[in-house]
Amino acid sequence: MADSGDLDSFNDAWRYLETLARRITDARDTDGAIDQLARRGEISDRERAQLHGARLIRNALSHTPPLPGAVPLAVPTAALIELLQIVGSRLSHQPPLIGEVAVPAHQVAGDMPVHTALQDLYERDFSQAPYRAPDGGWLLFTAEQVARWLALHDGLVDLGGVTVAELAAFGPAAPAAEVKPTRSTQAAVDLLVKALGGQPGGVVPVLLIRDRRTPDLRLFTPADLPRAQPLVRPIGLAPEEA
């Protein structure tokens, strides 16, 4: 059963989206506004169907007495609430979420020879790639680790005889933070800038963008800041200063 926080989040997201949709389309009712948005290509047919379903849930919650025990007749799911928030954000022309800005990651394996993994990075012009740790978490294989390892051995090493996981000691191997793709770009930039300020010289922090419900992984690094900069307030300024 949804708790009061879920219902409040649903109601807030629906009211915002309903008001925004009717203002954008100048429609007389919400159904008409949703249909117009679909015809204009601003929402997909699937989103249109989901929004019509959300309207029915909203009506049930607003106009139908709860079942015995104060159980609501209809229960909005977390996925539906997230959809309302995402569509509302998109329609209001807010900056895209970090999942839309971050770069798709190429995954390697911990038991992969360093030579093979490094070749993968070079072919894709990447500097790092995530891999699964034995405990189920995520670590990073980076060109920086390889450089430190080579420097320690004066370059006299067999790149095919050492695995990705063995270079974790030449870190940093852990992402600076793990972030959901539904976080705002501003929040992700703030996290990355903070991590940059807290790292020793030469260490490049990386945010792992991950939705636990899907296998999709993305990375957000300092090299991505120029692309994100037009979407956020000037780096280094607090919200009240921007």
Protein backbone atom coordinates (compact mmCIF):
# COMPACT_ATOMS: atom_id res chain seq x y z
CA MET A 1 0.00 0.00 0.00
CA ALA A 2 1.27 3.47 -0.83
CA ASP A 3 2.12 5.67 2.15
CA SER A 4 1.11 9.28 2.51
CA GLY A 5 4.43 10.42 1.06
CA ASP A 6 3.80 8.45 -2.14
CA LEU A 7 0.32 9.93 -2.48
CA ASP A 8 1.58 13.45 -1.79
CA SER A 9 4.33 13.02 -4.41
CA PHE A 10 1.79 11.74 -6.91
CA ASN A 11 -0.66 14.57 -6.25
CA ASP A 12 2.06 17.22 -6.46
CA ALA A 13 3.48 15.80 -9.69
CA TRP A 14 0.03 15.47 -11.24
CA ARG A 15 -1.11 18.99 -10.32
CA TYR A 16 2.08 20.47 -11.74
CA LEU A 17 1.88 18.50 -14.97
CA GLU A 18 -1.86 19.12 -15.42
CA THR A 19 -1.47 22.88 -14.98
CA LEU A 20 1.54 22.99 -17.27
CA ALA A 21 -0.10 20.90 -20.01
CA ARG A 22 -3.26 22.99 -20.07
CA ARG A 23 -1.28 26.22 -20.13
CA ILE A 24 0.95 25.02 -22.98
CA THR A 25 -1.95 23.80 -25.12
CA ASP A 26 -4.66 26.24 -23.99
CA ALA A 27 -6.96 23.20 -23.78
CA ARG A 28 -10.22 23.34 -21.84
CA ASP A 29 -9.66 20.04 -20.06
CA THR A 30 -6.80 17.75 -19.14
CA ASP A 31 -7.68 14.97 -21.58
CA GLY A 32 -7.65 17.45 -24.43
CA ALA A 33 -4.32 18.86 -23.29
CA ILE A 34 -2.73 15.40 -23.17
CA ASP A 35 -4.05 14.52 -26.63
CA GLN A 36 -2.75 17.77 -28.07
CA LEU A 37 0.70 17.18 -26.60
CA ALA A 38 0.76 13.74 -28.25
CA ARG A 39 -0.31 15.13 -31.61
CA ARG A 40 2.41 17.75 -31.41
CA GLY A 41 5.00 15.08 -30.66
CA GLU A 42 5.86 16.49 -27.23
CA ILE A 43 4.90 13.20 -25.55
CA SER A 44 4.88 9.69 -26.98
CA ASP A 45 1.75 7.58 -27.52
CA ARG A 46 2.82 5.41 -24.61
CA GLU A 47 3.21 8.44 -22.38
CA ARG A 48 -0.22 9.66 -23.49
CA ALA A 49 -1.78 6.35 -22.41
CA GLN A 50 0.08 6.46 -19.09
CA LEU A 51 -1.01 10.03 -18.43
CA HIS A 52 -4.63 9.18 -19.15
CA GLY A 53 -4.26 6.33 -16.66
CA ALA A 54 -2.76 8.71 -14.11
CA ARG A 55 -5.77 10.99 -14.54
CA LEU A 56 -8.12 8.08 -13.73
CA ILE A 57 -6.09 7.30 -10.60
CA ARG A 58 -6.17 10.96 -9.59
CA ASN A 59 -9.96 11.04 -10.03
CA ALA A 60 -10.37 7.87 -7.99
CA LEU A 61 -8.25 9.28 -5.18
CA SER A 62 -10.08 12.61 -5.24
CA HIS A 63 -13.70 11.52 -5.60
CA THR A 64 -13.99 7.97 -4.24
CA PRO A 65 -14.05 7.19 -0.51
CA PRO A 66 -11.20 4.92 0.62
CA LEU A 67 -11.82 1.25 1.33
CA PRO A 68 -12.22 0.03 4.93
CA GLY A 69 -9.07 0.68 6.90
CA ALA A 70 -8.38 3.91 5.01
CA VAL A 71 -6.99 1.92 2.08
CA PRO A 72 -7.05 4.06 -1.10
CA LEU A 73 -9.02 2.66 -4.02
CA ALA A 74 -6.13 3.30 -6.41
CA VAL A 75 -2.42 3.25 -5.67
CA PRO A 76 0.08 5.13 -7.88
CA THR A 77 3.33 3.27 -8.44
CA ALA A 78 6.78 4.79 -8.02
CA ALA A 79 7.30 4.37 -11.77
CA LEU A 80 4.16 6.38 -12.53
CA ILE A 81 5.19 9.16 -10.16
CA GLU A 82 8.62 9.24 -11.81
CA LEU A 83 6.99 9.45 -15.25
CA LEU A 84 4.89 12.45 -14.20
CA GLN A 85 7.96 14.19 -12.86
CA ILE A 86 10.05 13.47 -15.97
CA VAL A 87 7.34 14.60 -18.40
CA GLY A 88 6.68 17.71 -16.32
CA SER A 89 10.39 18.53 -16.29
CA ARG A 90 10.66 18.07 -20.03
CA LEU A 91 7.60 20.17 -20.81
CA SER A 92 8.83 23.01 -18.64
CA HIS A 93 12.10 23.04 -20.61
CA GLN A 94 14.18 22.46 -17.54
CA PRO A 95 17.73 21.18 -18.11
CA PRO A 96 17.86 17.48 -19.02
CA LEU A 97 18.50 14.94 -16.31
CA ILE A 98 22.03 13.64 -15.80
CA GLY A 99 21.10 10.34 -17.45
CA GLU A 100 20.61 12.27 -20.70
CA VAL A 101 23.91 14.14 -20.39
CA ALA A 102 26.32 11.46 -19.14
CA VAL A 103 28.22 9.29 -21.60
CA PRO A 104 27.26 5.59 -22.01
CA ALA A 105 29.93 3.46 -20.38
CA HIS A 106 31.84 0.58 -21.96
CA GLN A 107 32.10 -2.22 -19.40
CA VAL A 108 35.11 -4.45 -18.92
CA ALA A 109 35.61 -7.50 -16.69
CA GLY A 110 37.82 -7.79 -13.64
CA ASP A 111 39.52 -10.90 -15.03
CA MET A 112 40.20 -9.29 -18.42
CA PRO A 113 43.88 -8.89 -19.33
CA VAL A 114 45.00 -5.29 -18.99
CA HIS A 115 46.21 -5.26 -22.60
CA THR A 116 42.73 -6.17 -23.89
CA ALA A 117 40.90 -3.73 -21.62
CA LEU A 118 43.29 -0.89 -22.46
CA GLN A 119 42.83 -1.55 -26.16
CA ASP A 120 39.05 -1.30 -25.64
CA LEU A 121 39.50 2.11 -24.00
CA TYR A 122 41.74 3.45 -26.73
CA GLU A 123 39.42 2.27 -29.51
CA ARG A 124 36.53 4.17 -27.91
CA ASP A 125 38.62 7.18 -26.84
CA PHE A 126 37.68 6.55 -23.18
CA SER A 127 39.87 6.98 -20.12
CA GLN A 128 37.93 4.67 -17.79
CA ALA A 129 35.52 1.77 -17.80
CA PRO A 130 33.44 0.20 -14.99
CA TYR A 131 33.62 -3.45 -13.98
CA ARG A 132 31.91 -5.63 -11.40
CA ALA A 133 33.77 -6.12 -8.13
CA PRO A 134 33.67 -9.49 -6.34
CA ASP A 135 31.27 -8.04 -3.76
CA GLY A 136 28.79 -7.04 -6.48
CA GLY A 137 29.64 -3.35 -6.44
CA TRP A 138 31.23 -1.35 -9.23
CA LEU A 139 34.87 -0.34 -9.64
CA LEU A 140 36.70 1.57 -12.34
CA PHE A 141 39.54 0.50 -14.59
CA THR A 142 41.37 3.64 -15.72
CA ALA A 143 44.23 4.64 -17.96
CA GLU A 144 45.59 6.47 -14.91
CA GLN A 145 45.95 3.14 -13.05
CA VAL A 146 47.89 1.69 -15.99
CA ALA A 147 50.21 4.71 -16.10
CA ARG A 148 50.99 4.47 -12.37
CA TRP A 149 51.59 0.73 -12.64
CA LEU A 150 53.91 1.16 -15.61
CA ALA A 151 55.83 3.93 -13.84
CA LEU A 152 56.40 1.70 -10.83
CA HIS A 153 57.92 -1.00 -13.03
CA ASP A 154 59.77 1.34 -15.40
CA GLY A 155 57.54 0.11 -18.19
CA LEU A 156 59.04 -3.42 -18.05
CA VAL A 157 55.80 -5.38 -17.67
CA ASP A 158 53.63 -7.86 -19.54
CA LEU A 159 50.28 -6.15 -20.18
CA GLY A 160 48.72 -9.48 -21.07
CA GLY A 161 49.80 -11.20 -17.87
CA VAL A 162 47.96 -8.91 -15.42
CA THR A 163 44.22 -8.50 -15.01
CA VAL A 164 42.08 -5.39 -14.65
CA ALA A 165 41.25 -6.23 -11.02
CA GLU A 166 44.94 -6.45 -10.09
CA LEU A 167 45.39 -2.78 -10.97
CA ALA A 168 42.77 -1.62 -8.43
CA ALA A 169 45.60 -1.00 -5.95
CA PHE A 170 46.86 1.72 -8.27
CA GLY A 171 43.53 3.54 -7.92
CA PRO A 172 41.37 5.31 -7.34
CA ALA A 173 39.19 2.35 -8.30
CA ALA A 174 35.89 3.40 -6.75
CA PRO A 175 33.61 5.99 -8.39
CA ALA A 176 33.42 9.28 -6.51
CA ALA A 177 29.67 8.68 -6.21
CA GLU A 178 26.89 6.56 -7.68
CA VAL A 179 24.02 8.67 -9.01
CA LYS A 180 20.60 7.80 -10.37
CA PRO A 181 20.00 8.91 -13.97
CA THR A 182 16.92 10.77 -12.76
CA ARG A 183 19.02 13.22 -10.72
CA SER A 184 19.22 16.71 -12.12
CA THR A 185 22.26 17.72 -14.13
CA GLN A 186 22.81 20.51 -11.61
CA ALA A 187 23.00 18.05 -8.71
CA ALA A 188 25.46 15.85 -10.59
CA VAL A 189 27.67 18.82 -11.51
CA ASP A 190 27.67 19.94 -7.88
CA LEU A 191 28.74 16.44 -6.77
CA LEU A 192 31.51 16.24 -9.34
CA VAL A 193 32.86 19.71 -8.56
CA LYS A 194 32.87 18.86 -4.85
CA ALA A 195 34.73 15.62 -5.59
CA LEU A 196 37.28 17.53 -7.67
CA GLY A 197 37.99 19.79 -4.72
CA GLY A 198 38.44 16.86 -2.35
CA GLN A 199 40.78 14.73 -4.45
CA PRO A 200 44.58 14.78 -4.30
CA GLY A 201 46.37 16.23 -7.30
CA GLY A 202 46.27 14.12 -10.44
CA VAL A 203 43.25 12.07 -9.36
CA VAL A 204 40.23 12.34 -11.67
CA PRO A 205 36.86 11.73 -9.93
CA VAL A 206 34.14 9.92 -11.86
CA LEU A 207 30.40 9.68 -11.19
CA LEU A 208 28.76 6.36 -12.02
CA ILE A 209 25.25 6.98 -13.37
CA ARG A 210 23.22 3.89 -12.67
CA ASP A 211 19.60 2.76 -12.46
CA ARG A 212 19.52 -0.43 -10.41
CA ARG A 213 16.55 -1.67 -12.44
CA THR A 214 18.43 -1.74 -15.75
CA PRO A 215 21.91 -2.82 -16.94
CA ASP A 216 22.56 0.63 -18.41
CA LEU A 217 25.65 2.37 -17.03
CA ARG A 218 26.90 5.87 -17.79
CA LEU A 219 29.84 7.93 -16.60
CA PHE A 220 30.10 11.63 -15.86
CA THR A 221 33.64 13.00 -15.63
CA PRO A 222 35.36 16.39 -15.52
CA ALA A 223 35.78 16.09 -19.31
CA ASP A 224 31.97 16.29 -19.58
CA LEU A 225 31.67 19.56 -17.67
CA PRO A 226 31.95 21.80 -20.77
CA ARG A 227 28.90 20.06 -22.27
CA ALA A 228 26.95 20.37 -19.03
CA GLN A 229 27.95 23.96 -18.27
CA PRO A 230 25.29 25.64 -20.48
CA LEU A 231 22.61 23.67 -18.60
CA VAL A 232 23.53 24.74 -15.07
CA ARG A 233 24.50 27.79 -13.07
CA PRO A 234 28.14 28.93 -13.33
CA ILE A 235 30.41 26.41 -11.65
CA GLY A 236 31.50 27.51 -8.22
CA LEU A 237 28.42 29.65 -7.49
CA ALA A 238 25.86 28.71 -4.84
CA PRO A 239 22.17 28.82 -5.86
CA GLU A 240 21.63 32.21 -4.23
CA GLU A 241 24.65 33.65 -6.09
CA ALA A 242 23.71 32.46 -9.58
